[in-house]
Amino acid sequence: MSSASVAPRSMPTGQRNVVRSNDSASLWNCTLSPGWTQDEVQVLRQALMKFGVGNWMKIIESECLPGKTIAQMNLQTQRMLGQQSTAEFNGLHIDTLRVGELNSLKQGKDVKRKNNCIVNTGGKLGREEVEQRRVKHREMFEVDEDVWKNIVLPRFDNPLVVLDRKREELKALKAELDDVLAQLASCANSTDETMAKPGTKRARE
């Protein structure tokens, strides 16, 4: 079964896993990494749906989260998923907050958490087990292809680039102001010299 034909079983039919006004309030309760706002988390949420978990360079190239590093995005993704291990989601077009919502409900003596994220207390997962989990997650959470392909991400100017541009604009304005002041001073000097010449009103006085 292709990923494009699989609907997330945890959601109703229709435009699945898209940020909507009727989202469960609990979806907004994920732990924020230092330096992240709720708006930035929602942008990352959409970017992960569009490009797939772990495709950090595509997110960076989209310029939807200027200034964010791969390490910062990876850490925030862990918090959104509610678990530290992300390998089993690599490449999947999923709504991380939906997974996180389900993980937040898990209880039991085998469920260990750190910073509200479930941690693996056993040995490192083998490649085969990771792939089995990936297949299961794809069946449960994969967003329809016609949905994630049509996600439009906001695009912001890099704040450092904007700052440099503003500095150049200020330099140009200052140079223009200096030129105007120089012209005014020159006009004032010319008027004084004219008024001081013999035969002028000031000179007669």
C-alpha atoms as a PDB file:
ATOM      1  CA  MET A   1       0.000   0.000   0.000  1.00  0.00           C
ATOM      2  CA  SER A   2       1.484   3.388  -0.970  1.00  0.00           C
ATOM      3  CA  SER A   3       1.924   6.183   1.522  1.00  0.00           C
ATOM      4  CA  ALA A   4      -0.260   8.413  -0.642  1.00  0.00           C
ATOM      5  CA  SER A   5      -3.292   6.159  -0.123  1.00  0.00           C
ATOM      6  CA  VAL A   6      -2.904   5.631   3.609  1.00  0.00           C
ATOM      7  CA  ALA A   7      -4.902   7.849   5.945  1.00  0.00           C
ATOM      8  CA  PRO A   8      -3.747   8.467   9.510  1.00  0.00           C
ATOM      9  CA  ARG A   9      -5.946   6.193  11.606  1.00  0.00           C
ATOM     10  CA  SER A  10      -5.831   8.548  14.553  1.00  0.00           C
ATOM     11  CA  MET A  11      -7.662  11.306  12.686  1.00  0.00           C
ATOM     12  CA  PRO A  12     -10.985  11.842  10.927  1.00  0.00           C
ATOM     13  CA  THR A  13     -11.234  11.879   7.144  1.00  0.00           C
ATOM     14  CA  GLY A  14     -10.773  15.020   5.123  1.00  0.00           C
ATOM     15  CA  GLN A  15      -7.828  17.405   5.282  1.00  0.00           C
ATOM     16  CA  ARG A  16      -5.869  15.377   7.807  1.00  0.00           C
ATOM     17  CA  ASN A  17      -3.034  16.564   9.981  1.00  0.00           C
ATOM     18  CA  VAL A  18      -3.175  20.155   8.807  1.00  0.00           C
ATOM     19  CA  VAL A  19      -2.921  22.955  11.361  1.00  0.00           C
ATOM     20  CA  ARG A  20      -6.533  23.927  11.935  1.00  0.00           C
ATOM     21  CA  SER A  21      -8.526  26.140  14.291  1.00  0.00           C
ATOM     22  CA  ASN A  22     -10.312  23.118  15.780  1.00  0.00           C
ATOM     23  CA  ASP A  23      -7.094  21.341  16.764  1.00  0.00           C
ATOM     24  CA  SER A  24      -7.186  19.772  20.195  1.00  0.00           C
ATOM     25  CA  ALA A  25      -5.914  22.204  22.804  1.00  0.00           C
ATOM     26  CA  SER A  26      -3.492  19.545  24.005  1.00  0.00           C
ATOM     27  CA  LEU A  27      -1.612  19.816  20.721  1.00  0.00           C
ATOM     28  CA  TRP A  28      -0.402  23.218  21.882  1.00  0.00           C
ATOM     29  CA  ASN A  29       0.979  21.829  25.145  1.00  0.00           C
ATOM     30  CA  CYS A  30       4.211  20.356  23.804  1.00  0.00           C
ATOM     31  CA  THR A  31       7.330  21.341  25.703  1.00  0.00           C
ATOM     32  CA  LEU A  32       9.163  24.201  24.050  1.00  0.00           C
ATOM     33  CA  SER A  33      12.895  24.042  23.581  1.00  0.00           C
ATOM     34  CA  PRO A  34      14.767  27.166  24.719  1.00  0.00           C
ATOM     35  CA  GLY A  35      14.474  29.930  22.142  1.00  0.00           C
ATOM     36  CA  TRP A  36      11.298  28.623  20.484  1.00  0.00           C
ATOM     37  CA  THR A  37       7.898  30.322  20.304  1.00  0.00           C
ATOM     38  CA  GLN A  38       4.574  28.568  19.766  1.00  0.00           C
ATOM     39  CA  ASP A  39       4.349  30.141  16.295  1.00  0.00           C
ATOM     40  CA  GLU A  40       7.767  28.723  15.367  1.00  0.00           C
ATOM     41  CA  VAL A  41       6.701  25.292  16.614  1.00  0.00           C
ATOM     42  CA  GLN A  42       3.673  25.409  14.323  1.00  0.00           C
ATOM     43  CA  VAL A  43       5.904  26.315  11.369  1.00  0.00           C
ATOM     44  CA  LEU A  44       8.215  23.397  12.207  1.00  0.00           C
ATOM     45  CA  ARG A  45       5.161  21.161  12.514  1.00  0.00           C
ATOM     46  CA  GLN A  46       4.100  22.001   8.956  1.00  0.00           C
ATOM     47  CA  ALA A  47       7.673  21.790   7.631  1.00  0.00           C
ATOM     48  CA  LEU A  48       8.060  18.262   9.023  1.00  0.00           C
ATOM     49  CA  MET A  49       4.797  17.268   7.366  1.00  0.00           C
ATOM     50  CA  LYS A  50       5.933  18.715   4.049  1.00  0.00           C
ATOM     51  CA  PHE A  51       9.548  17.520   3.933  1.00  0.00           C
ATOM     52  CA  GLY A  52       9.538  14.550   6.296  1.00  0.00           C
ATOM     53  CA  VAL A  53      11.176  14.076   9.681  1.00  0.00           C
ATOM     54  CA  GLY A  54      14.941  14.413   9.545  1.00  0.00           C
ATOM     55  CA  ASN A  55      15.114  16.317   6.248  1.00  0.00           C
ATOM     56  CA  TRP A  56      16.674  19.291   7.983  1.00  0.00           C
ATOM     57  CA  MET A  57      18.490  20.758   4.982  1.00  0.00           C
ATOM     58  CA  LYS A  58      15.242  21.041   3.023  1.00  0.00           C
ATOM     59  CA  ILE A  59      13.709  22.934   5.934  1.00  0.00           C
ATOM     60  CA  ILE A  60      16.719  25.240   6.147  1.00  0.00           C
ATOM     61  CA  GLU A  61      16.665  25.837   2.378  1.00  0.00           C
ATOM     62  CA  SER A  62      12.953  26.701   2.541  1.00  0.00           C
ATOM     63  CA  GLU A  63      13.877  29.662   4.809  1.00  0.00           C
ATOM     64  CA  CYS A  64      10.746  29.122   6.892  1.00  0.00           C
ATOM     65  CA  LEU A  65      12.742  29.086  10.151  1.00  0.00           C
ATOM     66  CA  PRO A  66      15.692  31.468   9.639  1.00  0.00           C
ATOM     67  CA  GLY A  67      18.388  31.202  12.272  1.00  0.00           C
ATOM     68  CA  LYS A  68      17.362  27.752  13.521  1.00  0.00           C
ATOM     69  CA  THR A  69      20.086  25.101  13.468  1.00  0.00           C
ATOM     70  CA  ILE A  70      19.704  21.384  12.782  1.00  0.00           C
ATOM     71  CA  ALA A  71      20.414  20.631  16.448  1.00  0.00           C
ATOM     72  CA  GLN A  72      17.695  23.061  17.566  1.00  0.00           C
ATOM     73  CA  MET A  73      15.131  21.619  15.151  1.00  0.00           C
ATOM     74  CA  ASN A  74      16.005  18.047  16.116  1.00  0.00           C
ATOM     75  CA  LEU A  75      15.597  18.799  19.834  1.00  0.00           C
ATOM     76  CA  GLN A  76      12.271  20.549  19.302  1.00  0.00           C
ATOM     77  CA  THR A  77      11.081  17.651  17.123  1.00  0.00           C
ATOM     78  CA  GLN A  78      11.842  15.247  19.987  1.00  0.00           C
ATOM     79  CA  ARG A  79       9.728  17.388  22.290  1.00  0.00           C
ATOM     80  CA  MET A  80       6.897  17.494  19.756  1.00  0.00           C
ATOM     81  CA  LEU A  81       6.991  13.722  19.298  1.00  0.00           C
ATOM     82  CA  GLY A  82       7.185  13.224  23.038  1.00  0.00           C
ATOM     83  CA  GLN A  83      10.087  10.816  22.685  1.00  0.00           C
ATOM     84  CA  GLN A  84      13.839  11.102  22.304  1.00  0.00           C
ATOM     85  CA  SER A  85      14.252   8.490  19.568  1.00  0.00           C
ATOM     86  CA  THR A  86      13.394   9.930  16.141  1.00  0.00           C
ATOM     87  CA  ALA A  87      15.036   7.333  13.856  1.00  0.00           C
ATOM     88  CA  GLU A  88      11.801   5.369  13.526  1.00  0.00           C
ATOM     89  CA  PHE A  89      10.124   8.450  12.004  1.00  0.00           C
ATOM     90  CA  ASN A  90      12.892   9.456   9.578  1.00  0.00           C
ATOM     91  CA  GLY A  91      11.563  10.496   6.187  1.00  0.00           C
ATOM     92  CA  LEU A  92       7.909  10.174   7.211  1.00  0.00           C
ATOM     93  CA  HIS A  93       5.474  12.990   6.414  1.00  0.00           C
ATOM     94  CA  ILE A  94       3.692  12.972   9.758  1.00  0.00           C
ATOM     95  CA  ASP A  95       2.115  15.377  12.193  1.00  0.00           C
ATOM     96  CA  THR A  96       4.583  15.177  15.079  1.00  0.00           C
ATOM     97  CA  LEU A  97       2.168  16.743  17.540  1.00  0.00           C
ATOM     98  CA  ARG A  98      -0.389  13.980  16.909  1.00  0.00           C
ATOM     99  CA  VAL A  99       2.256  11.415  17.808  1.00  0.00           C
ATOM    100  CA  GLY A 100       3.197  13.500  20.834  1.00  0.00           C
ATOM    101  CA  GLU A 101      -0.418  13.624  21.956  1.00  0.00           C
ATOM    102  CA  LEU A 102      -0.590   9.822  21.968  1.00  0.00           C
ATOM    103  CA  ASN A 103       2.790   9.505  23.689  1.00  0.00           C
ATOM    104  CA  SER A 104       1.641  11.865  26.433  1.00  0.00           C
ATOM    105  CA  LEU A 105      -1.115   9.386  27.330  1.00  0.00           C
ATOM    106  CA  LYS A 106       1.210   6.413  27.732  1.00  0.00           C
ATOM    107  CA  GLN A 107       1.677   5.187  31.279  1.00  0.00           C
ATOM    108  CA  GLY A 108       3.230   2.237  33.026  1.00  0.00           C
ATOM    109  CA  LYS A 109       6.362   1.176  34.826  1.00  0.00           C
ATOM    110  CA  ASP A 110       8.184   0.701  31.528  1.00  0.00           C
ATOM    111  CA  VAL A 111       7.498   4.277  30.403  1.00  0.00           C
ATOM    112  CA  LYS A 112      10.432   6.443  31.478  1.00  0.00           C
ATOM    113  CA  ARG A 113      10.509  10.151  30.693  1.00  0.00           C
ATOM    114  CA  LYS A 114      13.101  12.911  30.579  1.00  0.00           C
ATOM    115  CA  ASN A 115      11.975  16.482  29.931  1.00  0.00           C
ATOM    116  CA  ASN A 116       8.521  15.026  29.213  1.00  0.00           C
ATOM    117  CA  CYS A 117       9.975  12.801  26.458  1.00  0.00           C
ATOM    118  CA  ILE A 118       9.831   9.016  26.570  1.00  0.00           C
ATOM    119  CA  VAL A 119      13.342   7.576  26.673  1.00  0.00           C
ATOM    120  CA  ASN A 120      14.466   4.136  25.577  1.00  0.00           C
ATOM    121  CA  THR A 121      15.503   2.216  28.684  1.00  0.00           C
ATOM    122  CA  GLY A 122      16.532  -0.941  26.840  1.00  0.00           C
ATOM    123  CA  GLY A 123      19.375  -1.562  24.448  1.00  0.00           C
ATOM    124  CA  LYS A 124      19.799   0.313  21.186  1.00  0.00           C
ATOM    125  CA  LEU A 125      17.186  -0.646  18.631  1.00  0.00           C
ATOM    126  CA  GLY A 126      18.439  -2.731  15.723  1.00  0.00           C
ATOM    127  CA  ARG A 127      17.995  -1.603  12.130  1.00  0.00           C
ATOM    128  CA  GLU A 128      15.277  -4.181  11.490  1.00  0.00           C
ATOM    129  CA  GLU A 129      13.222  -3.157  14.513  1.00  0.00           C
ATOM    130  CA  VAL A 130      13.573   0.526  13.594  1.00  0.00           C
ATOM    131  CA  GLU A 131      12.299  -0.229  10.097  1.00  0.00           C
ATOM    132  CA  GLN A 132       9.375  -2.247  11.477  1.00  0.00           C
ATOM    133  CA  ARG A 133       8.387   0.712  13.610  1.00  0.00           C
ATOM    134  CA  ARG A 134       8.736   3.045  10.620  1.00  0.00           C
ATOM    135  CA  VAL A 135       6.320   0.912   8.617  1.00  0.00           C
ATOM    136  CA  LYS A 136       3.843   0.928  11.483  1.00  0.00           C
ATOM    137  CA  HIS A 137       4.135   4.700  11.945  1.00  0.00           C
ATOM    138  CA  ARG A 138       3.640   5.247   8.214  1.00  0.00           C
ATOM    139  CA  GLU A 139       0.410   3.258   8.324  1.00  0.00           C
ATOM    140  CA  MET A 140      -0.844   5.096  11.394  1.00  0.00           C
ATOM    141  CA  PHE A 141       0.309   8.670  10.894  1.00  0.00           C
ATOM    142  CA  GLU A 142       1.454   9.350   7.329  1.00  0.00           C
ATOM    143  CA  VAL A 143      -0.211  12.457   5.895  1.00  0.00           C
ATOM    144  CA  ASP A 144      -1.818  12.032   2.477  1.00  0.00           C
ATOM    145  CA  GLU A 145       0.560  13.041  -0.297  1.00  0.00           C
ATOM    146  CA  ASP A 146      -1.897  15.478  -1.856  1.00  0.00           C
ATOM    147  CA  VAL A 147      -2.042  17.234   1.521  1.00  0.00           C
ATOM    148  CA  TRP A 148       1.654  17.544   2.390  1.00  0.00           C
ATOM    149  CA  LYS A 149       2.649  18.473  -1.156  1.00  0.00           C
ATOM    150  CA  ASN A 150       0.304  21.467  -1.019  1.00  0.00           C
ATOM    151  CA  ILE A 151       1.485  22.831   2.321  1.00  0.00           C
ATOM    152  CA  VAL A 152       2.734  26.376   1.831  1.00  0.00           C
ATOM    153  CA  LEU A 153       5.327  27.425   4.367  1.00  0.00           C
ATOM    154  CA  PRO A 154       5.905  31.028   5.393  1.00  0.00           C
ATOM    155  CA  ARG A 155       9.170  32.500   4.231  1.00  0.00           C
ATOM    156  CA  PHE A 156      10.990  35.017   6.364  1.00  0.00           C
ATOM    157  CA  ASP A 157      14.053  37.079   5.713  1.00  0.00           C
ATOM    158  CA  ASN A 158      17.104  36.065   7.691  1.00  0.00           C
ATOM    159  CA  PRO A 159      17.207  38.576  10.581  1.00  0.00           C
ATOM    160  CA  LEU A 160      20.954  39.079  10.107  1.00  0.00           C
ATOM    161  CA  VAL A 161      20.432  39.895   6.442  1.00  0.00           C
ATOM    162  CA  VAL A 162      17.621  42.290   7.341  1.00  0.00           C
ATOM    163  CA  LEU A 163      19.858  43.968   9.930  1.00  0.00           C
ATOM    164  CA  ASP A 164      22.676  44.428   7.408  1.00  0.00           C
ATOM    165  CA  ARG A 165      20.217  45.850   4.889  1.00  0.00           C
ATOM    166  CA  LYS A 166      18.875  48.335   7.445  1.00  0.00           C
ATOM    167  CA  ARG A 167      22.410  49.403   8.304  1.00  0.00           C
ATOM    168  CA  GLU A 168      23.132  50.103   4.644  1.00  0.00           C
ATOM    169  CA  GLU A 169      19.889  52.047   4.343  1.00  0.00           C
ATOM    170  CA  LEU A 170      20.836  54.137   7.401  1.00  0.00           C
ATOM    171  CA  LYS A 171      24.288  54.808   5.929  1.00  0.00           C
ATOM    172  CA  ALA A 172      22.698  55.993   2.670  1.00  0.00           C
ATOM    173  CA  LEU A 173      20.213  58.212   4.544  1.00  0.00           C
ATOM    174  CA  LYS A 174      22.996  59.705   6.667  1.00  0.00           C
ATOM    175  CA  ALA A 175      25.068  60.450   3.544  1.00  0.00           C
ATOM    176  CA  GLU A 176      22.016  62.087   1.948  1.00  0.00           C
ATOM    177  CA  LEU A 177      21.381  64.153   5.082  1.00  0.00           C
ATOM    178  CA  ASP A 178      25.016  65.249   5.236  1.00  0.00           C
ATOM    179  CA  ASP A 179      24.797  66.320   1.588  1.00  0.00           C
ATOM    180  CA  VAL A 180      21.632  68.365   2.224  1.00  0.00           C
ATOM    181  CA  LEU A 181      23.202  70.024   5.288  1.00  0.00           C
ATOM    182  CA  ALA A 182      26.312  70.844   3.257  1.00  0.00           C
ATOM    183  CA  GLN A 183      24.183  72.435   0.545  1.00  0.00           C
ATOM    184  CA  LEU A 184      22.262  74.482   3.135  1.00  0.00           C
ATOM    185  CA  ALA A 185      25.529  75.640   4.710  1.00  0.00           C
ATOM    186  CA  SER A 186      26.861  76.580   1.278  1.00  0.00           C
ATOM    187  CA  CYS A 187      23.688  78.553   0.506  1.00  0.00           C
ATOM    188  CA  ALA A 188      23.902  80.319   3.839  1.00  0.00           C
ATOM    189  CA  ASN A 189      27.553  81.268   3.240  1.00  0.00           C
ATOM    190  CA  SER A 190      26.753  82.533  -0.260  1.00  0.00           C
ATOM    191  CA  THR A 191      23.935  84.693   1.085  1.00  0.00           C
ATOM    192  CA  ASP A 192      26.191  86.139   3.783  1.00  0.00           C
ATOM    193  CA  GLU A 193      28.905  86.931   1.239  1.00  0.00           C
ATOM    194  CA  THR A 194      26.401  88.548  -1.130  1.00  0.00           C
ATOM    195  CA  MET A 195      24.885  90.655   1.613  1.00  0.00           C
ATOM    196  CA  ALA A 196      28.362  91.759   2.720  1.00  0.00           C
ATOM    197  CA  LYS A 197      29.401  93.125  -0.697  1.00  0.00           C
ATOM    198  CA  PRO A 198      29.495  96.950  -1.240  1.00  0.00           C
ATOM    199  CA  GLY A 199      26.227  98.270  -2.550  1.00  0.00           C
ATOM    200  CA  THR A 200      24.078  95.685  -0.866  1.00  0.00           C
ATOM    201  CA  LYS A 201      21.534  96.614   1.760  1.00  0.00           C
ATOM    202  CA  ARG A 202      23.563  95.095   4.583  1.00  0.00           C
ATOM    203  CA  ALA A 203      26.730  96.782   3.374  1.00  0.00           C
ATOM    204  CA  ARG A 204      24.941 100.234   3.236  1.00  0.00           C
ATOM    205  CA  GLU A 205      23.759  99.753   6.779  1.00  0.00           C
END
